[in-house]
Amino acid sequence: MARCGTTHLNKFLHERKLITVYHWILLNQRYASVEVLKRFCKVFGIDPNSLEGNGTILNPSFPVNMSSKAFIKLKIHVSNEGRISLGLKSVNVLSYINQDPVLLGYFIDAVKKAGGKIKGKPRLRNALEIKADRVLARALVASGLPFGKRTRTNPSLDNSIEKNRDLFKYHIQATLTEEGGSSLAIDHRRVQFGLAWGRAVDITDKLTKEHINEIRELTKELGKQKISIGYVTNVELLRTIGKNPPKIFDREIMSLSAAHVGIHWPSGHPANIHLSKKGRITVMWGIHLTRPKLLDIIHDEYGMLPGTWKANRFENLYKAYKEFRGRRLTDEEIQKIRKVIEENPPQISIEWISEKVRELFPDIEWGADLEWIRKKLGRKESK
């Protein structure tokens, strides 16, 4: 104030259209609109983004309903395949990445119904990526979903999902579609079906230097960055891994058990360990369902998100499984099952991506260019 040639607070703030700030002081008020806060920061030379980064803003409110079904559905997608990035001083952007254009459609729908906006068109590089405005990103962080890589933040299940049957069903559908998959096989002339989903968690900060070095030596000895948990023989290291699972796994199994009383669901188990180029250690956990009763429950009461590549594949494989399970297969039946497996590969096809991009995003120029899509995804050229 002295630098501006005045020592009278009321006059100083009034001249700068900040009389509201004077009322804050008189009434000991702790709330401010974004408009007033921005004007205040401009007058005093403060970067408004820094207020969020250093914790000055407490209990922020957003123009979205964070308890709405649309917002919780958005949170589910972000927990699975999304990312909230942090800029130099504040939450920067919300993004969603997947190879199936239909799943981008689900994300976009959730964003719009939650009151947010999509920024630009989908980009393709290894996978499709779409971005949403930072207001939703900040609201998601305020709702308890941390920014940064999910493997390091290790988010848990939102309480609203456990309390609402429809939201829990959507969570299982989305999780199986985004983080899981199905499989069909023949073993000793009998059909076998499996359904699984997995999550990874970074445990670097939970390990001792000795354990980190042991994992480094194992990956070096085996000549690969990702190794099976079976190669680990150190009991203490295995115990540490076992004590640090993805938080969401236990909550998902508890919710399934509560929804289906008397049915036993398997818990998650560590499957693989990955050592990154930066020296971070991540453990991939998985839940694998093979019991007919559990498979029928998932198919009949949950399934995957309709219209997606994985949902179509799941239905086709399960149909064959249901038709031939529980008995010894003839040669003809084995051939039928093999044909179903061949016609429903796990990897999403270039043709599907092109078709759905043109259907959902007709203004994208490269939608019909199969070879360009193939190149961007790092797939081998067609023969």
Protein backbone atom coordinates (compact mmCIF):
# COMPACT_ATOMS: atom_id res chain seq x y z
CA MET A 1 0.00 0.00 0.00
CA ALA A 2 2.79 2.42 0.90
CA ARG A 3 4.40 1.77 -2.49
CA CYS A 4 1.12 2.78 -4.12
CA GLY A 5 1.03 6.13 -2.25
CA THR A 6 -1.63 5.39 0.34
CA THR A 7 -1.95 3.91 3.82
CA HIS A 8 -5.76 3.96 4.00
CA LEU A 9 -6.92 0.39 3.49
CA ASN A 10 -10.52 1.20 2.58
CA LYS A 11 -9.50 3.79 -0.03
CA PHE A 12 -6.74 1.60 -1.43
CA LEU A 13 -9.03 -1.37 -2.01
CA HIS A 14 -11.97 0.73 -3.23
CA GLU A 15 -9.85 2.40 -5.93
CA ARG A 16 -8.85 -1.03 -7.21
CA LYS A 17 -12.39 -2.45 -7.16
CA LEU A 18 -11.48 -4.69 -4.25
CA ILE A 19 -13.90 -3.36 -1.66
CA THR A 20 -15.05 -6.97 -1.19
CA VAL A 21 -11.64 -7.70 0.30
CA TYR A 22 -12.21 -4.96 2.88
CA HIS A 23 -15.41 -6.75 3.88
CA TRP A 24 -13.46 -10.03 4.19
CA ILE A 25 -11.22 -8.37 6.76
CA LEU A 26 -14.06 -6.73 8.73
CA LEU A 27 -16.18 -9.89 8.83
CA ASN A 28 -13.27 -12.35 9.06
CA GLN A 29 -14.66 -13.99 5.93
CA ARG A 30 -12.78 -16.92 4.44
CA TYR A 31 -14.63 -17.38 1.16
CA ALA A 32 -14.08 -15.62 -2.17
CA SER A 33 -15.29 -15.91 -5.74
CA VAL A 34 -12.78 -16.79 -8.44
CA GLU A 35 -13.35 -13.40 -10.12
CA VAL A 36 -12.46 -11.41 -6.99
CA LEU A 37 -9.52 -13.67 -6.18
CA LYS A 38 -8.05 -13.22 -9.66
CA ARG A 39 -8.40 -9.42 -9.40
CA PHE A 40 -6.76 -9.49 -5.97
CA CYS A 41 -3.83 -11.53 -7.31
CA LYS A 42 -3.40 -9.19 -10.27
CA VAL A 43 -3.23 -6.10 -8.03
CA PHE A 44 -0.67 -7.64 -5.69
CA GLY A 45 1.35 -9.46 -8.36
CA ILE A 46 0.50 -12.95 -7.17
CA ASP A 47 0.28 -15.96 -9.47
CA PRO A 48 -3.22 -17.37 -8.76
CA ASN A 49 -2.06 -20.88 -9.68
CA SER A 50 0.45 -20.77 -6.82
CA LEU A 51 -2.39 -20.48 -4.30
CA GLU A 52 -3.52 -24.00 -5.13
CA GLY A 53 -0.01 -25.38 -5.18
CA ASN A 54 1.02 -24.06 -1.75
CA GLY A 55 -2.22 -24.94 0.03
CA THR A 56 -3.52 -21.36 0.51
CA ILE A 57 -6.92 -22.34 -0.91
CA LEU A 58 -8.82 -24.48 1.57
CA ASN A 59 -12.06 -26.37 0.84
CA PRO A 60 -12.47 -25.14 -2.74
CA SER A 61 -15.93 -25.34 -4.28
CA PHE A 62 -16.48 -26.17 -7.95
CA PRO A 63 -19.30 -25.64 -10.45
CA VAL A 64 -19.89 -29.40 -10.52
CA ASN A 65 -21.80 -31.76 -8.26
CA MET A 66 -19.12 -34.06 -6.86
CA SER A 67 -21.72 -36.45 -5.45
CA SER A 68 -23.61 -36.92 -8.73
CA LYS A 69 -23.59 -40.27 -10.51
CA ALA A 70 -22.01 -38.67 -13.57
CA PHE A 71 -19.09 -37.34 -11.52
CA ILE A 72 -18.53 -40.70 -9.79
CA LYS A 73 -18.60 -42.48 -13.16
CA LEU A 74 -16.01 -40.02 -14.42
CA LYS A 75 -13.93 -40.77 -11.34
CA ILE A 76 -14.12 -44.49 -12.12
CA HIS A 77 -12.77 -43.96 -15.65
CA VAL A 78 -9.98 -41.68 -14.42
CA SER A 79 -9.02 -44.17 -11.71
CA ASN A 80 -8.64 -46.85 -14.37
CA GLU A 81 -7.30 -45.22 -17.53
CA GLY A 82 -7.09 -41.52 -16.80
CA ARG A 83 -4.48 -39.17 -15.45
CA ILE A 84 -4.53 -35.86 -13.63
CA SER A 85 -1.35 -34.01 -14.50
CA LEU A 86 0.32 -31.42 -12.30
CA GLY A 87 1.87 -28.35 -13.88
CA LEU A 88 4.62 -26.26 -12.31
CA LYS A 89 2.29 -24.75 -9.72
CA SER A 90 -1.18 -26.26 -10.04
CA VAL A 91 -3.31 -29.09 -11.37
CA ASN A 92 -2.97 -28.72 -15.11
CA VAL A 93 -5.10 -31.11 -17.15
CA LEU A 94 -7.28 -34.20 -17.07
CA SER A 95 -6.62 -36.82 -19.74
CA TYR A 96 -7.93 -40.26 -20.68
CA ILE A 97 -6.04 -42.85 -22.73
CA ASN A 98 -7.27 -46.03 -24.40
CA GLN A 99 -7.09 -47.74 -27.79
CA ASP A 100 -10.86 -48.26 -28.05
CA PRO A 101 -12.65 -45.16 -29.40
CA VAL A 102 -15.86 -46.39 -27.76
CA LEU A 103 -14.28 -46.05 -24.32
CA LEU A 104 -13.28 -42.48 -25.18
CA GLY A 105 -16.96 -41.99 -25.94
CA TYR A 106 -17.89 -43.20 -22.45
CA PHE A 107 -15.34 -40.82 -20.92
CA ILE A 108 -16.56 -37.86 -22.97
CA ASP A 109 -20.16 -38.60 -21.99
CA ALA A 110 -19.19 -38.69 -18.31
CA VAL A 111 -17.27 -35.42 -18.62
CA LYS A 112 -20.18 -33.60 -20.21
CA LYS A 113 -22.79 -34.98 -17.80
CA ALA A 114 -20.56 -34.01 -14.87
CA GLY A 115 -20.55 -30.41 -16.10
CA GLY A 116 -17.14 -30.33 -17.77
CA LYS A 117 -15.83 -29.68 -21.28
CA ILE A 118 -13.61 -31.61 -23.67
CA LYS A 119 -10.48 -29.88 -24.97
CA GLY A 120 -9.78 -30.47 -28.64
CA LYS A 121 -9.93 -33.71 -30.62
CA PRO A 122 -8.57 -37.15 -29.74
CA ARG A 123 -4.87 -37.65 -30.50
CA LEU A 124 -3.31 -40.95 -31.50
CA ARG A 125 0.13 -42.04 -30.33
CA ASN A 126 0.40 -45.63 -29.05
CA ALA A 127 -3.23 -45.11 -27.98
CA LEU A 128 -6.02 -42.58 -28.30
CA GLU A 129 -5.89 -39.67 -25.87
CA ILE A 130 -8.54 -37.07 -25.08
CA LYS A 131 -8.33 -34.17 -22.62
CA ALA A 132 -10.87 -32.39 -20.44
CA ASP A 133 -10.82 -28.99 -18.75
CA ARG A 134 -8.85 -28.38 -15.55
CA VAL A 135 -11.96 -27.52 -13.51
CA LEU A 136 -12.93 -31.19 -13.46
CA ALA A 137 -9.32 -32.17 -12.78
CA ARG A 138 -9.26 -29.96 -9.68
CA ALA A 139 -12.67 -31.23 -8.58
CA LEU A 140 -11.44 -34.83 -8.86
CA VAL A 141 -8.40 -34.02 -6.73
CA ALA A 142 -10.64 -32.30 -4.16
CA SER A 143 -12.85 -35.41 -4.09
CA GLY A 144 -9.89 -37.54 -3.00
CA LEU A 145 -8.39 -38.74 -6.30
CA PRO A 146 -4.68 -37.75 -6.22
CA PHE A 147 -2.91 -36.27 -9.23
CA GLY A 148 -0.03 -38.14 -10.84
CA LYS A 149 0.53 -41.77 -11.82
CA ARG A 150 -2.01 -44.18 -10.35
CA THR A 151 0.73 -46.72 -9.61
CA ARG A 152 2.28 -44.25 -7.14
CA THR A 153 -0.86 -42.59 -5.73
CA ASN A 154 -2.59 -45.99 -5.26
CA PRO A 155 -6.16 -44.62 -4.99
CA SER A 156 -8.89 -46.51 -3.16
CA LEU A 157 -12.53 -47.10 -4.06
CA ASP A 158 -14.86 -44.14 -3.69
CA ASN A 159 -17.30 -44.70 -0.81
CA SER A 160 -20.25 -43.75 -3.02
CA ILE A 161 -19.57 -46.74 -5.26
CA GLU A 162 -19.95 -49.24 -2.44
CA LYS A 163 -23.21 -47.68 -1.28
CA ASN A 164 -24.94 -47.49 -4.65
CA ARG A 165 -25.76 -50.68 -6.55
CA ASP A 166 -25.91 -48.99 -9.98
CA LEU A 167 -22.58 -47.24 -9.47
CA PHE A 168 -20.92 -50.45 -8.29
CA LYS A 169 -22.22 -52.29 -11.34
CA TYR A 170 -20.80 -49.54 -13.56
CA HIS A 171 -17.50 -49.73 -11.69
CA ILE A 172 -17.18 -53.48 -12.33
CA GLN A 173 -18.18 -53.05 -15.98
CA ALA A 174 -15.69 -50.24 -16.54
CA THR A 175 -12.89 -51.96 -14.63
CA LEU A 176 -13.27 -55.25 -16.53
CA THR A 177 -13.31 -53.32 -19.81
CA GLU A 178 -10.43 -50.96 -19.04
CA GLU A 179 -8.23 -53.10 -16.77
CA GLY A 180 -9.30 -56.65 -17.51
CA GLY A 181 -10.00 -59.25 -20.13
CA SER A 182 -11.43 -62.67 -20.89
CA SER A 183 -9.94 -65.85 -22.33
CA LEU A 184 -11.13 -69.12 -23.83
CA ALA A 185 -9.01 -72.26 -24.15
CA ILE A 186 -9.15 -76.05 -24.49
CA ASP A 187 -7.49 -78.25 -21.89
CA HIS A 188 -7.65 -82.06 -22.03
CA ARG A 189 -10.63 -81.86 -24.40
CA ARG A 190 -12.56 -79.56 -22.05
CA VAL A 191 -13.36 -75.91 -22.56
CA GLN A 192 -11.82 -73.43 -20.09
CA PHE A 193 -12.88 -69.83 -19.57
CA GLY A 194 -11.15 -67.14 -17.55
CA LEU A 195 -11.92 -63.59 -16.53
CA ALA A 196 -9.32 -61.36 -14.93
CA TRP A 197 -8.43 -57.78 -14.10
CA GLY A 198 -5.22 -56.31 -12.80
CA ARG A 199 -3.76 -53.22 -11.19
CA ALA A 200 -0.20 -52.08 -10.58
CA VAL A 201 1.28 -50.37 -7.52
CA ASP A 202 4.66 -48.69 -7.07
CA ILE A 203 6.37 -50.03 -3.92
CA THR A 204 9.80 -48.44 -4.36
CA ASP A 205 9.46 -46.31 -1.23
CA LYS A 206 8.37 -49.36 0.79
CA LEU A 207 11.49 -51.38 0.02
CA THR A 208 14.89 -51.45 1.69
CA LYS A 209 18.01 -50.72 -0.36
CA GLU A 210 18.90 -54.41 -0.14
CA HIS A 211 15.54 -55.46 -1.58
CA ILE A 212 15.82 -52.91 -4.40
CA ASN A 213 19.30 -54.18 -5.27
CA GLU A 214 18.04 -57.75 -5.21
CA ILE A 215 15.33 -56.94 -7.75
CA ARG A 216 17.86 -55.10 -9.91
CA GLU A 217 20.15 -58.13 -9.88
CA LEU A 218 17.25 -60.44 -10.78
CA THR A 219 16.21 -58.34 -13.77
CA LYS A 220 19.84 -58.09 -14.89
CA GLU A 221 20.35 -61.83 -14.55
CA LEU A 222 17.16 -62.65 -16.47
CA GLY A 223 17.80 -59.97 -19.08
CA LYS A 224 14.42 -58.26 -18.85
CA GLN A 225 12.82 -55.40 -16.93
CA LYS A 226 9.63 -57.31 -16.12
CA ILE A 227 9.89 -60.58 -14.23
CA SER A 228 7.50 -63.08 -12.73
CA ILE A 229 6.95 -62.96 -8.96
CA GLY A 230 7.99 -66.62 -8.99
CA TYR A 231 11.64 -65.62 -9.37
CA VAL A 232 11.59 -63.89 -5.99
CA THR A 233 12.65 -66.23 -3.17
CA ASN A 234 13.45 -63.71 -0.41
CA VAL A 235 10.74 -64.22 2.23
CA GLU A 236 11.03 -60.70 3.65
CA LEU A 237 10.76 -59.15 0.21
CA LEU A 238 7.71 -61.29 -0.60
CA ARG A 239 6.16 -60.27 2.72
CA THR A 240 6.68 -56.58 1.94
CA ILE A 241 5.11 -57.03 -1.49
CA GLY A 242 2.16 -58.85 0.05
CA LYS A 243 1.56 -56.06 2.57
CA ASN A 244 1.31 -53.39 -0.14
CA PRO A 245 -1.40 -54.36 -2.62
CA PRO A 246 -3.44 -51.94 -4.73
CA LYS A 247 -5.86 -50.45 -2.18
CA ILE A 248 -8.81 -50.82 -4.48
CA PHE A 249 -8.55 -54.63 -4.80
CA ASP A 250 -9.69 -55.47 -1.27
CA ARG A 251 -12.55 -52.98 -1.49
CA GLU A 252 -13.74 -54.48 -4.79
CA ILE A 253 -13.74 -58.02 -3.39
CA MET A 254 -15.44 -56.90 -0.16
CA SER A 255 -18.15 -55.18 -2.20
CA LEU A 256 -18.67 -58.25 -4.40
CA SER A 257 -18.94 -60.42 -1.27
CA ALA A 258 -21.46 -58.02 0.26
CA ALA A 259 -23.53 -57.97 -2.91
CA HIS A 260 -23.52 -61.78 -3.23
CA VAL A 261 -23.81 -63.22 0.26
CA GLY A 262 -22.46 -66.75 0.66
CA ILE A 263 -20.28 -66.57 -2.46
CA HIS A 264 -16.51 -66.76 -1.98
CA TRP A 265 -14.47 -64.43 -4.18
CA PRO A 266 -10.70 -64.84 -4.62
CA SER A 267 -8.37 -62.12 -3.41
CA GLY A 268 -5.77 -60.42 -5.57
CA HIS A 269 -2.25 -61.82 -5.89
CA PRO A 270 1.05 -60.31 -7.10
CA ALA A 271 1.99 -61.63 -10.52
CA ASN A 272 4.86 -59.59 -11.97
CA ILE A 273 7.52 -57.07 -10.93
CA HIS A 274 8.68 -54.27 -13.22
CA LEU A 275 11.86 -52.22 -12.87
CA SER A 276 11.59 -48.92 -14.76
CA LYS A 277 14.45 -47.09 -16.45
CA LYS A 278 14.32 -44.59 -13.59
CA GLY A 279 14.72 -47.36 -11.05
CA ARG A 280 11.10 -47.40 -9.82
CA ILE A 281 9.72 -50.81 -8.84
CA THR A 282 6.11 -51.62 -9.67
CA VAL A 283 4.22 -54.79 -8.81
CA MET A 284 1.35 -55.95 -11.01
CA TRP A 285 -1.47 -57.63 -9.09
CA GLY A 286 -4.27 -59.66 -10.59
CA ILE A 287 -7.60 -61.28 -9.78
CA HIS A 288 -8.44 -64.32 -11.89
CA LEU A 289 -11.90 -65.93 -12.00
CA THR A 290 -12.39 -69.45 -13.36
CA ARG A 291 -15.19 -70.97 -11.23
CA PRO A 292 -18.40 -71.34 -13.27
CA LYS A 293 -20.55 -69.79 -10.55
CA LEU A 294 -18.45 -66.62 -10.39
CA LEU A 295 -18.23 -66.37 -14.18
CA ASP A 296 -22.00 -66.63 -14.48
CA ILE A 297 -22.53 -63.91 -11.84
CA ILE A 298 -20.16 -61.52 -13.59
CA HIS A 299 -21.71 -62.20 -16.99
CA ASP A 300 -25.36 -62.11 -15.93
CA GLU A 301 -25.25 -59.23 -13.44
CA TYR A 302 -22.34 -57.06 -14.60
CA GLY A 303 -20.65 -57.76 -17.93
CA MET A 304 -18.47 -55.16 -19.62
CA LEU A 305 -19.36 -51.73 -20.99
CA PRO A 306 -21.70 -52.38 -23.94
CA GLY A 307 -20.47 -51.65 -27.44
CA THR A 308 -16.76 -51.88 -26.65
CA TRP A 309 -14.28 -54.26 -28.30
CA LYS A 310 -13.75 -56.20 -25.08
CA ALA A 311 -17.47 -56.46 -24.34
CA ASN A 312 -18.18 -57.97 -27.77
CA ARG A 313 -15.29 -60.40 -27.38
CA PHE A 314 -16.40 -61.34 -23.86
CA GLU A 315 -19.92 -62.16 -25.07
CA ASN A 316 -18.69 -64.29 -27.98
CA LEU A 317 -16.23 -66.28 -25.87
CA TYR A 318 -18.66 -66.75 -22.98
CA LYS A 319 -21.37 -67.99 -25.37
CA ALA A 320 -19.07 -70.75 -26.62
CA TYR A 321 -17.99 -71.58 -23.08
CA LYS A 322 -21.58 -71.83 -21.85
CA GLU A 323 -22.51 -74.11 -24.77
CA PHE A 324 -19.67 -76.60 -24.37
CA ARG A 325 -18.66 -76.51 -20.68
CA GLY A 326 -18.91 -79.41 -18.27
CA ARG A 327 -18.25 -82.23 -20.70
CA ARG A 328 -15.61 -83.87 -22.86
CA LEU A 329 -15.39 -82.26 -26.31
CA THR A 330 -15.64 -84.02 -29.66
CA ASP A 331 -13.20 -83.23 -32.47
CA GLU A 332 -15.88 -81.19 -34.23
CA GLU A 333 -16.61 -79.15 -31.08
CA ILE A 334 -12.91 -78.47 -30.57
CA GLN A 335 -12.72 -77.06 -34.10
CA LYS A 336 -15.75 -74.85 -33.42
CA ILE A 337 -14.18 -73.44 -30.27
CA ARG A 338 -10.86 -72.84 -32.01
CA LYS A 339 -12.71 -70.89 -34.69
CA VAL A 340 -14.39 -68.72 -32.05
CA ILE A 341 -11.00 -68.03 -30.45
CA GLU A 342 -9.46 -67.16 -33.83
CA GLU A 343 -12.32 -64.83 -34.75
CA ASN A 344 -12.11 -62.98 -31.43
CA PRO A 345 -8.46 -62.01 -30.80
CA PRO A 346 -7.59 -60.10 -27.62
CA GLN A 347 -5.87 -57.23 -29.44
CA ILE A 348 -8.23 -54.56 -30.74
CA SER A 349 -8.12 -54.45 -34.53
CA ILE A 350 -7.05 -51.49 -36.65
CA GLU A 351 -10.30 -51.82 -38.59
CA TRP A 352 -12.35 -51.46 -35.39
CA ILE A 353 -10.43 -48.36 -34.34
CA SER A 354 -10.91 -46.78 -37.76
CA GLU A 355 -14.62 -47.63 -37.91
CA LYS A 356 -15.37 -46.29 -34.43
CA VAL A 357 -13.26 -43.15 -34.84
CA ARG A 358 -15.18 -42.28 -38.01
CA GLU A 359 -18.46 -43.05 -36.27
CA LEU A 360 -17.81 -41.12 -33.04
CA PHE A 361 -15.43 -38.41 -34.31
CA PRO A 362 -16.39 -37.81 -37.96
CA ASP A 363 -14.36 -34.59 -38.21
CA ILE A 364 -11.04 -36.35 -37.59
CA GLU A 365 -9.03 -36.44 -40.82
CA TRP A 366 -7.07 -39.66 -40.25
CA GLY A 367 -10.04 -41.86 -39.30
CA ALA A 368 -10.02 -43.84 -42.55
CA ASP A 369 -6.23 -44.11 -42.89
CA LEU A 370 -5.59 -47.67 -41.68
CA GLU A 371 -1.84 -47.63 -42.33
CA TRP A 372 -1.36 -44.34 -40.49
CA ILE A 373 -3.29 -45.70 -37.50
CA ARG A 374 -1.22 -48.88 -37.61
CA LYS A 375 2.02 -46.90 -37.62
CA LYS A 376 0.95 -44.68 -34.73
CA LEU A 377 0.06 -47.74 -32.65
CA GLY A 378 3.38 -49.40 -33.40
CA ARG A 379 1.75 -52.37 -35.12
CA LYS A 380 3.41 -54.36 -37.88
CA GLU A 381 2.46 -53.41 -41.41
CA SER A 382 -0.23 -55.47 -43.06
CA LYS A 383 0.94 -57.99 -45.66
